[in-house]
Each structure stands twice: as structure tokens, then as C-alpha cells.
């Protein structure tokens, strides 16, 4: 009964079907699919190449947990072996070489070392150029390995702390102004010469000027006057012979006189002249030569 009713109902019922049937496909097909696979393959190739280049760079640059190549990071700072080139400024607290090697700073132009204060202003500068070495600062000082001051320069004075200052140039040392020193001495095989070509030469000391030549002569040459002056004391000429060959002779001395003995007379103004020696002094007879 049920079957018949179902059959009858089915046969009698008519369903309307669409004229056309549409089918929707899900996914990427055709040339889009091929382009996608090609793009993925290209990315894979680039990834492999980058990975290979990274491995090659790490191997060539010798990267390690302690540093890179000749540059190593230690507890004391950076340790660098061999030659290095810095294209930009280098800021460091201390730069030093190994104990058995020298530290060399090389540049095609200048090598400049600056010191700055807390505000960032330059307080001192050392520049080593191809033709000149310049230093800028309030004071320039050179010390020995024991801490002794050897040379110091500032705005007021120049100090030389060595036991001996030696000038080896053929022209000697040139001073435009005064020089203060306790001793001026030449080498044992050289001559000492103090010269002022166009002006006067003056030697002053509060307790006296001592001039000594142990094996040679002392010669003083001047175009005008030579003055020996002592404000509180005397002038002592200590020698076996004191010669004054160009002293003028008295006016009464005849040119053909065979007199060989003379006495030295002094004028009130200090000028010296010769007079014929006699049993008594003859300076009074020639005193008119002082006029």
C-alpha cells in the first residue's frame, strides 16, 4: 500500500529542471599555477644562494664566538692583529701595541689626535702632517721613562730639564732675546764663540761673570768699546803676562827713540797711555794727552 502510493505520487509529480547546469571549480589552474610554481622555485633558489653566501662570508671573515678574523673581543677590550684601516673617526680610551711590536699610525694626509673635555670641546691637538708636526694646547711636555721632565713649553717659558743641552749645528744657536743659563761651554775639541753681528753683547750676573779657557785663548773683539764693569767689587786680571800692544805713547816720545821701558798711565776718564819709564813717574809730564 505504501509502495503503491509512493510510486503513484512519484510518477504523477513532475519537477522542473534548469535548462543549463553551472559547475564551479575551486583552486589555481592553468598558467597561473605554472607562474606560482615558478615563483616558489625562484624564492627557493634565492634562499639557497643567500644561505650559501652567508656561510661563505662567515668562513672568509672567520667569524667566531670570540670575534671576527684578526679582531677579537676580550675582557680588556678589542685585540686586533695585523694592519687595519679605519674610514671614520675612532674613539677609544687607550690604544697600545703588543710588547714586542711597535705601534704605527699611517695616513696619506694627516694623523690627528684630539683630546676633549667633558663638554666635548677640543683642549689639545696633535697633528702629524707630511711637512710639519703641529701641537695645540696650553703646555707641551716631554718626560723620561722615570718621570723626569726633559722638555716643557708654555706661553711664558721654555724649560730644558736635561743635564746638558747640545747644539750640533754648524751655525750654532740663535737667540733673538736674552738667555739665562748658569753655564755656557763648548766641547773639548771645539771653540766657544759668543757673537752679536749688529748689536751689543752683554753678560750680566748678580755675583760675577767667570770666563775661563783651560788650554786656549780668550779673545774679545768689538767695533767700538769693550766695557768691564763691577758695581761692588773689583776686576781681576790674573795672568803671567798682560799685553796691551796698541796703547798710545806719550807725545814727548820721539819716533827714533831706543827707549824700551814704559809705564802705563791712566787719565781721569780711564783712558790708558804709555810714558817713558824713568826713576820717577813721568805720567804728570804727559797728562796733557788726557785732554
C-alpha atoms as a PDB file:
ATOM      1  CA  UNK A   1       0.000   0.000   0.000  1.00  0.00           C
ATOM      2  CA  UNK A   2       2.694   2.419   0.884  1.00  0.00           C
ATOM      3  CA  UNK A   3       4.810   1.428  -2.062  1.00  0.00           C
ATOM      4  CA  UNK A   4       1.976   1.956  -4.466  1.00  0.00           C
ATOM      5  CA  UNK A   5       1.162   5.319  -3.044  1.00  0.00           C
ATOM      6  CA  UNK A   6       4.812   6.355  -3.290  1.00  0.00           C
ATOM      7  CA  UNK A   7       5.036   5.131  -6.825  1.00  0.00           C
ATOM      8  CA  UNK A   8       1.904   6.866  -7.832  1.00  0.00           C
ATOM      9  CA  UNK A   9       2.923  10.027  -6.239  1.00  0.00           C
ATOM     10  CA  UNK A  10       6.326   9.884  -7.828  1.00  0.00           C
ATOM     11  CA  UNK A  11       5.007   9.225 -11.244  1.00  0.00           C
ATOM     12  CA  UNK A  12       2.420  11.902 -11.053  1.00  0.00           C
ATOM     13  CA  UNK A  13       4.779  14.609  -9.654  1.00  0.00           C
ATOM     14  CA  UNK A  14       6.756  16.483 -12.249  1.00  0.00           C
ATOM     15  CA  UNK A  15       9.917  18.551 -11.154  1.00  0.00           C
ATOM     16  CA  UNK A  16      11.199  21.446 -13.196  1.00  0.00           C
ATOM     17  CA  UNK A  17      14.971  21.260 -14.042  1.00  0.00           C
ATOM     18  CA  UNK A  18      17.059  24.256 -15.187  1.00  0.00           C
ATOM     19  CA  UNK A  19      17.983  24.482 -18.805  1.00  0.00           C
ATOM     20  CA  UNK A  20      21.756  24.890 -18.182  1.00  0.00           C
ATOM     21  CA  UNK A  21      23.927  23.385 -15.427  1.00  0.00           C
ATOM     22  CA  UNK A  22      26.787  25.585 -13.944  1.00  0.00           C
ATOM     23  CA  UNK A  23      29.948  23.910 -12.428  1.00  0.00           C
ATOM     24  CA  UNK A  24      32.269  25.973 -10.103  1.00  0.00           C
ATOM     25  CA  UNK A  25      35.935  24.785  -9.772  1.00  0.00           C
ATOM     26  CA  UNK A  26      37.942  25.633  -6.633  1.00  0.00           C
ATOM     27  CA  UNK A  27      41.824  26.086  -6.944  1.00  0.00           C
ATOM     28  CA  UNK A  28      44.533  27.574  -9.302  1.00  0.00           C
ATOM     29  CA  UNK A  29      44.798  26.031 -12.697  1.00  0.00           C
ATOM     30  CA  UNK A  30      46.413  26.832 -15.992  1.00  0.00           C
ATOM     31  CA  UNK A  31      49.150  29.473 -16.463  1.00  0.00           C
ATOM     32  CA  UNK A  32      48.550  30.945 -13.007  1.00  0.00           C
ATOM     33  CA  UNK A  33      49.520  27.626 -11.450  1.00  0.00           C
ATOM     34  CA  UNK A  34      52.671  27.420 -13.513  1.00  0.00           C
ATOM     35  CA  UNK A  35      53.672  31.014 -12.611  1.00  0.00           C
ATOM     36  CA  UNK A  36      53.135  30.279  -8.924  1.00  0.00           C
ATOM     37  CA  UNK A  37      55.345  27.188  -9.051  1.00  0.00           C
ATOM     38  CA  UNK A  38      57.998  29.165 -10.928  1.00  0.00           C
ATOM     39  CA  UNK A  39      57.909  31.958  -8.321  1.00  0.00           C
ATOM     40  CA  UNK A  40      58.190  29.453  -5.451  1.00  0.00           C
ATOM     41  CA  UNK A  41      61.117  27.775  -7.216  1.00  0.00           C
ATOM     42  CA  UNK A  42      62.819  31.173  -7.690  1.00  0.00           C
ATOM     43  CA  UNK A  43      62.405  32.014  -4.000  1.00  0.00           C
ATOM     44  CA  UNK A  44      63.847  28.645  -3.068  1.00  0.00           C
ATOM     45  CA  UNK A  45      66.868  29.240  -5.303  1.00  0.00           C
ATOM     46  CA  UNK A  46      67.426  32.731  -3.807  1.00  0.00           C
ATOM     47  CA  UNK A  47      67.143  31.293  -0.307  1.00  0.00           C
ATOM     48  CA  UNK A  48      69.729  28.598  -1.063  1.00  0.00           C
ATOM     49  CA  UNK A  49      72.085  31.142  -2.660  1.00  0.00           C
ATOM     50  CA  UNK A  50      71.770  33.554   0.299  1.00  0.00           C
ATOM     51  CA  UNK A  51      72.410  30.760   2.729  1.00  0.00           C
ATOM     52  CA  UNK A  52      75.467  29.666   0.766  1.00  0.00           C
ATOM     53  CA  UNK A  53      76.773  33.255   0.612  1.00  0.00           C
ATOM     54  CA  UNK A  54      76.230  33.679   4.346  1.00  0.00           C
ATOM     55  CA  UNK A  55      78.209  30.519   5.037  1.00  0.00           C
ATOM     56  CA  UNK A  56      80.950  31.709   2.663  1.00  0.00           C
ATOM     57  CA  UNK A  57      81.131  35.166   4.327  1.00  0.00           C
ATOM     58  CA  UNK A  58      81.306  33.616   7.789  1.00  0.00           C
ATOM     59  CA  UNK A  59      84.121  31.363   6.601  1.00  0.00           C
ATOM     60  CA  UNK A  60      86.062  34.077   4.807  1.00  0.00           C
ATOM     61  CA  UNK A  61      85.694  36.656   7.601  1.00  0.00           C
ATOM     62  CA  UNK A  62      86.438  33.965  10.152  1.00  0.00           C
ATOM     63  CA  UNK A  63      83.588  34.751  12.499  1.00  0.00           C
ATOM     64  CA  UNK A  64      83.861  33.034  15.847  1.00  0.00           C
ATOM     65  CA  UNK A  65      82.336  33.427  19.308  1.00  0.00           C
ATOM     66  CA  UNK A  66      85.403  35.476  20.364  1.00  0.00           C
ATOM     67  CA  UNK A  67      85.439  37.882  17.427  1.00  0.00           C
ATOM     68  CA  UNK A  68      85.909  38.220  13.710  1.00  0.00           C
ATOM     69  CA  UNK A  69      89.116  37.327  11.901  1.00  0.00           C
ATOM     70  CA  UNK A  70      92.028  39.311  13.358  1.00  0.00           C
ATOM     71  CA  UNK A  71      89.650  41.239  15.601  1.00  0.00           C
ATOM     72  CA  UNK A  72      88.960  39.522  18.895  1.00  0.00           C
ATOM     73  CA  UNK A  73      86.829  40.671  21.794  1.00  0.00           C
ATOM     74  CA  UNK A  74      88.480  40.103  25.162  1.00  0.00           C
ATOM     75  CA  UNK A  75      87.739  41.123  28.713  1.00  0.00           C
ATOM     76  CA  UNK A  76      90.206  44.039  28.382  1.00  0.00           C
ATOM     77  CA  UNK A  77      88.744  45.335  25.111  1.00  0.00           C
ATOM     78  CA  UNK A  78      89.410  44.666  21.423  1.00  0.00           C
ATOM     79  CA  UNK A  79      92.520  42.816  20.285  1.00  0.00           C
ATOM     80  CA  UNK A  80      93.494  43.447  16.659  1.00  0.00           C
ATOM     81  CA  UNK A  81      96.371  41.798  14.817  1.00  0.00           C
ATOM     82  CA  UNK A  82      97.926  42.970  11.556  1.00  0.00           C
ATOM     83  CA  UNK A  83      97.178  46.179   9.647  1.00  0.00           C
ATOM     84  CA  UNK A  84      93.761  47.830   9.901  1.00  0.00           C
ATOM     85  CA  UNK A  85      92.123  50.678   8.032  1.00  0.00           C
ATOM     86  CA  UNK A  86      89.541  52.985   9.612  1.00  0.00           C
ATOM     87  CA  UNK A  87      87.397  55.036   7.249  1.00  0.00           C
ATOM     88  CA  UNK A  88      85.697  57.045  10.013  1.00  0.00           C
ATOM     89  CA  UNK A  89      86.829  58.529  13.375  1.00  0.00           C
ATOM     90  CA  UNK A  90      87.992  56.064  16.014  1.00  0.00           C
ATOM     91  CA  UNK A  91      87.038  56.715  19.634  1.00  0.00           C
ATOM     92  CA  UNK A  92      89.000  54.739  22.221  1.00  0.00           C
ATOM     93  CA  UNK A  93      90.219  55.190  25.764  1.00  0.00           C
ATOM     94  CA  UNK A  94      93.597  53.567  25.106  1.00  0.00           C
ATOM     95  CA  UNK A  95      95.439  52.297  22.026  1.00  0.00           C
ATOM     96  CA  UNK A  96      98.561  50.220  22.505  1.00  0.00           C
ATOM     97  CA  UNK A  97     100.585  47.606  20.660  1.00  0.00           C
ATOM     98  CA  UNK A  98     102.000  44.302  21.761  1.00  0.00           C
ATOM     99  CA  UNK A  99     105.108  44.320  23.897  1.00  0.00           C
ATOM    100  CA  UNK A 100     107.316  43.044  21.072  1.00  0.00           C
ATOM    101  CA  UNK A 101     105.868  45.241  18.286  1.00  0.00           C
ATOM    102  CA  UNK A 102     105.709  48.939  17.538  1.00  0.00           C
ATOM    103  CA  UNK A 103     102.530  50.967  17.065  1.00  0.00           C
ATOM    104  CA  UNK A 104     102.344  52.544  13.594  1.00  0.00           C
ATOM    105  CA  UNK A 105      99.751  55.137  12.570  1.00  0.00           C
ATOM    106  CA  UNK A 106      99.797  55.735   8.818  1.00  0.00           C
ATOM    107  CA  UNK A 107      97.780  58.144   6.700  1.00  0.00           C
ATOM    108  CA  UNK A 108      98.101  59.585   3.197  1.00  0.00           C
ATOM    109  CA  UNK A 109      97.250  63.071   4.535  1.00  0.00           C
ATOM    110  CA  UNK A 110      97.447  63.838   8.262  1.00  0.00           C
ATOM    111  CA  UNK A 111      97.314  61.924  11.522  1.00  0.00           C
ATOM    112  CA  UNK A 112      95.426  63.992  14.110  1.00  0.00           C
ATOM    113  CA  UNK A 113      94.905  63.140  17.770  1.00  0.00           C
ATOM    114  CA  UNK A 114      92.395  65.264  19.696  1.00  0.00           C
ATOM    115  CA  UNK A 115      91.696  65.465  23.422  1.00  0.00           C
ATOM    116  CA  UNK A 116      88.312  66.768  24.559  1.00  0.00           C
ATOM    117  CA  UNK A 117      86.881  67.865  27.874  1.00  0.00           C
ATOM    118  CA  UNK A 118      83.557  66.886  29.440  1.00  0.00           C
ATOM    119  CA  UNK A 119      81.734  69.415  27.269  1.00  0.00           C
ATOM    120  CA  UNK A 120      83.125  67.921  24.070  1.00  0.00           C
ATOM    121  CA  UNK A 121      85.431  70.850  23.268  1.00  0.00           C
ATOM    122  CA  UNK A 122      88.927  70.165  21.959  1.00  0.00           C
ATOM    123  CA  UNK A 123      91.542  71.092  24.583  1.00  0.00           C
ATOM    124  CA  UNK A 124      94.670  69.650  22.946  1.00  0.00           C
ATOM    125  CA  UNK A 125      95.530  68.554  19.429  1.00  0.00           C
ATOM    126  CA  UNK A 126      98.500  66.805  17.844  1.00  0.00           C
ATOM    127  CA  UNK A 127      98.724  66.818  14.039  1.00  0.00           C
ATOM    128  CA  UNK A 128     101.411  64.939  12.118  1.00  0.00           C
ATOM    129  CA  UNK A 129     101.469  66.107   8.506  1.00  0.00           C
ATOM    130  CA  UNK A 130     103.678  65.393   5.502  1.00  0.00           C
ATOM    131  CA  UNK A 131     105.787  68.518   6.132  1.00  0.00           C
ATOM    132  CA  UNK A 132     105.155  69.698   9.686  1.00  0.00           C
ATOM    133  CA  UNK A 133     104.168  68.463  13.137  1.00  0.00           C
ATOM    134  CA  UNK A 134     101.814  70.782  14.998  1.00  0.00           C
ATOM    135  CA  UNK A 135     100.584  70.665  18.563  1.00  0.00           C
ATOM    136  CA  UNK A 136      97.936  72.899  20.106  1.00  0.00           C
ATOM    137  CA  UNK A 137      97.482  73.112  23.851  1.00  0.00           C
ATOM    138  CA  UNK A 138      98.281  75.051  26.964  1.00  0.00           C
ATOM    139  CA  UNK A 139     101.532  73.163  27.590  1.00  0.00           C
ATOM    140  CA  UNK A 140     103.792  70.733  25.739  1.00  0.00           C
ATOM    141  CA  UNK A 141     105.949  68.484  27.924  1.00  0.00           C
ATOM    142  CA  UNK A 142     108.295  65.541  27.378  1.00  0.00           C
ATOM    143  CA  UNK A 143     109.183  63.263  30.291  1.00  0.00           C
ATOM    144  CA  UNK A 144     111.686  60.447  30.648  1.00  0.00           C
ATOM    145  CA  UNK A 145     110.767  56.865  31.453  1.00  0.00           C
ATOM    146  CA  UNK A 146     111.472  57.659  35.106  1.00  0.00           C
ATOM    147  CA  UNK A 147     109.066  60.608  35.133  1.00  0.00           C
ATOM    148  CA  UNK A 148     111.708  63.352  34.978  1.00  0.00           C
ATOM    149  CA  UNK A 149     110.769  66.429  32.976  1.00  0.00           C
ATOM    150  CA  UNK A 150     113.070  66.741  29.944  1.00  0.00           C
ATOM    151  CA  UNK A 151     111.428  69.497  27.913  1.00  0.00           C
ATOM    152  CA  UNK A 152     108.483  71.783  28.614  1.00  0.00           C
ATOM    153  CA  UNK A 153     106.941  74.679  26.666  1.00  0.00           C
ATOM    154  CA  UNK A 154     104.100  77.034  27.572  1.00  0.00           C
ATOM    155  CA  UNK A 155     103.124  80.632  26.877  1.00  0.00           C
ATOM    156  CA  UNK A 156     105.642  82.048  29.367  1.00  0.00           C
ATOM    157  CA  UNK A 157     108.827  79.998  29.094  1.00  0.00           C
ATOM    158  CA  UNK A 158     110.709  77.020  27.679  1.00  0.00           C
ATOM    159  CA  UNK A 159     112.275  74.633  30.183  1.00  0.00           C
ATOM    160  CA  UNK A 160     115.010  72.093  29.429  1.00  0.00           C
ATOM    161  CA  UNK A 161     115.370  69.624  32.279  1.00  0.00           C
ATOM    162  CA  UNK A 162     118.330  67.641  30.959  1.00  0.00           C
ATOM    163  CA  UNK A 163     121.796  67.953  32.445  1.00  0.00           C
ATOM    164  CA  UNK A 164     123.242  69.140  29.124  1.00  0.00           C
ATOM    165  CA  UNK A 165     121.781  70.933  26.104  1.00  0.00           C
ATOM    166  CA  UNK A 166     123.875  70.229  22.995  1.00  0.00           C
ATOM    167  CA  UNK A 167     123.542  72.198  19.753  1.00  0.00           C
ATOM    168  CA  UNK A 168     125.336  70.410  16.908  1.00  0.00           C
ATOM    169  CA  UNK A 169     124.527  72.769  14.017  1.00  0.00           C
ATOM    170  CA  UNK A 170     127.325  74.491  12.163  1.00  0.00           C
ATOM    171  CA  UNK A 171     125.800  77.930  12.800  1.00  0.00           C
ATOM    172  CA  UNK A 172     125.260  77.249  16.487  1.00  0.00           C
ATOM    173  CA  UNK A 173     122.237  78.580  18.359  1.00  0.00           C
ATOM    174  CA  UNK A 174     120.455  81.839  17.520  1.00  0.00           C
ATOM    175  CA  UNK A 175     118.610  83.753  20.263  1.00  0.00           C
ATOM    176  CA  UNK A 176     116.617  86.861  19.418  1.00  0.00           C
ATOM    177  CA  UNK A 177     116.288  87.922  23.052  1.00  0.00           C
ATOM    178  CA  UNK A 178     118.041  87.275  26.350  1.00  0.00           C
ATOM    179  CA  UNK A 179     119.267  83.863  27.510  1.00  0.00           C
ATOM    180  CA  UNK A 180     119.518  82.858  31.148  1.00  0.00           C
ATOM    181  CA  UNK A 181     121.833  79.949  31.950  1.00  0.00           C
ATOM    182  CA  UNK A 182     124.371  79.129  34.657  1.00  0.00           C
ATOM    183  CA  UNK A 183     126.964  77.731  32.205  1.00  0.00           C
ATOM    184  CA  UNK A 184     127.877  78.080  28.531  1.00  0.00           C
ATOM    185  CA  UNK A 185     130.517  75.584  27.433  1.00  0.00           C
ATOM    186  CA  UNK A 186     131.840  74.158  24.179  1.00  0.00           C
ATOM    187  CA  UNK A 187     133.145  70.652  23.550  1.00  0.00           C
ATOM    188  CA  UNK A 188     136.744  69.939  24.424  1.00  0.00           C
ATOM    189  CA  UNK A 189     137.747  69.986  20.741  1.00  0.00           C
ATOM    190  CA  UNK A 190     135.643  72.990  19.734  1.00  0.00           C
ATOM    191  CA  UNK A 191     135.803  76.743  20.243  1.00  0.00           C
ATOM    192  CA  UNK A 192     133.189  78.732  22.115  1.00  0.00           C
ATOM    193  CA  UNK A 193     132.089  81.871  20.313  1.00  0.00           C
ATOM    194  CA  UNK A 194     129.562  84.421  21.524  1.00  0.00           C
ATOM    195  CA  UNK A 195     128.716  86.883  18.768  1.00  0.00           C
ATOM    196  CA  UNK A 196     126.280  89.729  18.158  1.00  0.00           C
ATOM    197  CA  UNK A 197     126.715  90.803  14.488  1.00  0.00           C
ATOM    198  CA  UNK A 198     124.712  94.057  14.551  1.00  0.00           C
ATOM    199  CA  UNK A 199     124.098  94.848  18.226  1.00  0.00           C
ATOM    200  CA  UNK A 200     125.905  94.711  21.547  1.00  0.00           C
ATOM    201  CA  UNK A 201     126.699  91.636  23.604  1.00  0.00           C
ATOM    202  CA  UNK A 202     126.090  91.911  27.327  1.00  0.00           C
ATOM    203  CA  UNK A 203     126.834  89.391  30.079  1.00  0.00           C
ATOM    204  CA  UNK A 204     125.350  90.158  33.486  1.00  0.00           C
ATOM    205  CA  UNK A 205     125.350  88.196  36.741  1.00  0.00           C
ATOM    206  CA  UNK A 206     124.469  89.259  40.289  1.00  0.00           C
ATOM    207  CA  UNK A 207     127.614  87.642  41.727  1.00  0.00           C
ATOM    208  CA  UNK A 208     130.047  87.990  38.847  1.00  0.00           C
ATOM    209  CA  UNK A 209     130.909  86.656  35.387  1.00  0.00           C
ATOM    210  CA  UNK A 210     133.575  83.952  35.248  1.00  0.00           C
ATOM    211  CA  UNK A 211     135.367  83.394  31.920  1.00  0.00           C
ATOM    212  CA  UNK A 212     137.922  80.606  31.694  1.00  0.00           C
ATOM    213  CA  UNK A 213     139.901  78.931  28.912  1.00  0.00           C
ATOM    214  CA  UNK A 214     141.917  75.994  30.193  1.00  0.00           C
ATOM    215  CA  UNK A 215     144.089  75.334  27.130  1.00  0.00           C
ATOM    216  CA  UNK A 216     143.368  78.132  24.631  1.00  0.00           C
ATOM    217  CA  UNK A 217     142.946  81.882  24.478  1.00  0.00           C
ATOM    218  CA  UNK A 218     140.177  84.289  25.362  1.00  0.00           C
ATOM    219  CA  UNK A 219     139.594  86.907  22.689  1.00  0.00           C
ATOM    220  CA  UNK A 220     137.128  89.798  22.833  1.00  0.00           C
ATOM    221  CA  UNK A 221     136.646  91.806  19.624  1.00  0.00           C
ATOM    222  CA  UNK A 222     134.388  94.813  19.291  1.00  0.00           C
ATOM    223  CA  UNK A 223     133.997  97.542  16.684  1.00  0.00           C
ATOM    224  CA  UNK A 224     133.525 100.168  19.393  1.00  0.00           C
ATOM    225  CA  UNK A 225     134.039  99.833  23.145  1.00  0.00           C
ATOM    226  CA  UNK A 226     134.568  96.878  25.432  1.00  0.00           C
ATOM    227  CA  UNK A 227     133.395  97.607  28.961  1.00  0.00           C
ATOM    228  CA  UNK A 228     134.284  95.638  32.105  1.00  0.00           C
ATOM    229  CA  UNK A 229     132.206  96.995  34.949  1.00  0.00           C
ATOM    230  CA  UNK A 230     131.835  95.897  38.560  1.00  0.00           C
ATOM    231  CA  UNK A 231     129.268  97.717  40.680  1.00  0.00           C
ATOM    232  CA  UNK A 232     130.516  96.397  44.025  1.00  0.00           C
ATOM    233  CA  UNK A 233     133.996  94.898  43.920  1.00  0.00           C
ATOM    234  CA  UNK A 234     136.992  94.799  41.610  1.00  0.00           C
ATOM    235  CA  UNK A 235     138.038  93.492  38.213  1.00  0.00           C
ATOM    236  CA  UNK A 236     140.854  90.955  38.466  1.00  0.00           C
ATOM    237  CA  UNK A 237     143.083  90.054  35.510  1.00  0.00           C
ATOM    238  CA  UNK A 238     145.137  87.091  36.666  1.00  0.00           C
ATOM    239  CA  UNK A 239     147.770  86.048  34.128  1.00  0.00           C
ATOM    240  CA  UNK A 240     151.529  85.720  33.727  1.00  0.00           C
ATOM    241  CA  UNK A 241     151.522  88.412  31.050  1.00  0.00           C
ATOM    242  CA  UNK A 242     149.033  91.174  30.344  1.00  0.00           C
ATOM    243  CA  UNK A 243     149.774  92.757  26.962  1.00  0.00           C
ATOM    244  CA  UNK A 244     148.320  95.964  25.523  1.00  0.00           C
ATOM    245  CA  UNK A 245     150.241  96.400  22.271  1.00  0.00           C
ATOM    246  CA  UNK A 246     148.179  99.262  20.843  1.00  0.00           C
ATOM    247  CA  UNK A 247     148.288 101.704  23.754  1.00  0.00           C
ATOM    248  CA  UNK A 248     149.172 105.234  22.569  1.00  0.00           C
ATOM    249  CA  UNK A 249     152.524 106.621  23.567  1.00  0.00           C
ATOM    250  CA  UNK A 250     153.161 109.979  25.151  1.00  0.00           C
ATOM    251  CA  UNK A 251     153.645 112.984  22.871  1.00  0.00           C
ATOM    252  CA  UNK A 252     157.273 113.532  24.000  1.00  0.00           C
ATOM    253  CA  UNK A 253     158.375 110.134  22.809  1.00  0.00           C
ATOM    254  CA  UNK A 254     160.492 110.581  19.693  1.00  0.00           C
ATOM    255  CA  UNK A 255     159.956 108.125  16.809  1.00  0.00           C
ATOM    256  CA  UNK A 256     163.626 107.136  16.733  1.00  0.00           C
ATOM    257  CA  UNK A 257     163.974 106.679  20.445  1.00  0.00           C
ATOM    258  CA  UNK A 258     165.579 103.450  21.618  1.00  0.00           C
ATOM    259  CA  UNK A 259     163.656 103.519  24.865  1.00  0.00           C
ATOM    260  CA  UNK A 260     162.187 100.052  25.597  1.00  0.00           C
ATOM    261  CA  UNK A 261     160.777 100.645  29.050  1.00  0.00           C
ATOM    262  CA  UNK A 262     157.487 102.421  29.549  1.00  0.00           C
ATOM    263  CA  UNK A 263     154.998 102.892  32.272  1.00  0.00           C
ATOM    264  CA  UNK A 264     151.234 102.740  31.913  1.00  0.00           C
ATOM    265  CA  UNK A 265     149.411 105.907  32.872  1.00  0.00           C
ATOM    266  CA  UNK A 266     145.682 106.429  33.337  1.00  0.00           C
ATOM    267  CA  UNK A 267     143.658 109.517  32.586  1.00  0.00           C
ATOM    268  CA  UNK A 268     140.866 110.671  34.906  1.00  0.00           C
ATOM    269  CA  UNK A 269     138.314 109.342  32.401  1.00  0.00           C
ATOM    270  CA  UNK A 270     140.018 105.921  32.460  1.00  0.00           C
ATOM    271  CA  UNK A 271     141.967 106.078  29.222  1.00  0.00           C
ATOM    272  CA  UNK A 272     145.413 104.445  29.282  1.00  0.00           C
ATOM    273  CA  UNK A 273     148.594 105.642  27.576  1.00  0.00           C
ATOM    274  CA  UNK A 274     152.313 104.959  27.751  1.00  0.00           C
ATOM    275  CA  UNK A 275     155.021 107.236  29.028  1.00  0.00           C
ATOM    276  CA  UNK A 276     158.771 106.781  29.085  1.00  0.00           C
ATOM    277  CA  UNK A 277     159.862 104.996  32.235  1.00  0.00           C
ATOM    278  CA  UNK A 278     162.244 106.854  34.485  1.00  0.00           C
ATOM    279  CA  UNK A 279     163.448 106.761  38.042  1.00  0.00           C
ATOM    280  CA  UNK A 280     160.231 108.519  38.989  1.00  0.00           C
ATOM    281  CA  UNK A 281     156.849 108.542  37.357  1.00  0.00           C
ATOM    282  CA  UNK A 282     156.578 110.588  34.176  1.00  0.00           C
ATOM    283  CA  UNK A 283     152.798 110.408  33.863  1.00  0.00           C
ATOM    284  CA  UNK A 284     152.475 114.003  35.086  1.00  0.00           C
ATOM    285  CA  UNK A 285     154.563 115.239  32.165  1.00  0.00           C
ATOM    286  CA  UNK A 286     152.224 113.611  29.681  1.00  0.00           C
ATOM    287  CA  UNK A 287     148.995 114.416  31.466  1.00  0.00           C
ATOM    288  CA  UNK A 288     148.117 116.816  28.636  1.00  0.00           C
ATOM    289  CA  UNK A 289     147.496 113.780  26.454  1.00  0.00           C
ATOM    290  CA  UNK A 290     144.350 113.151  28.507  1.00  0.00           C
ATOM    291  CA  UNK A 291     142.785 116.373  27.221  1.00  0.00           C
END
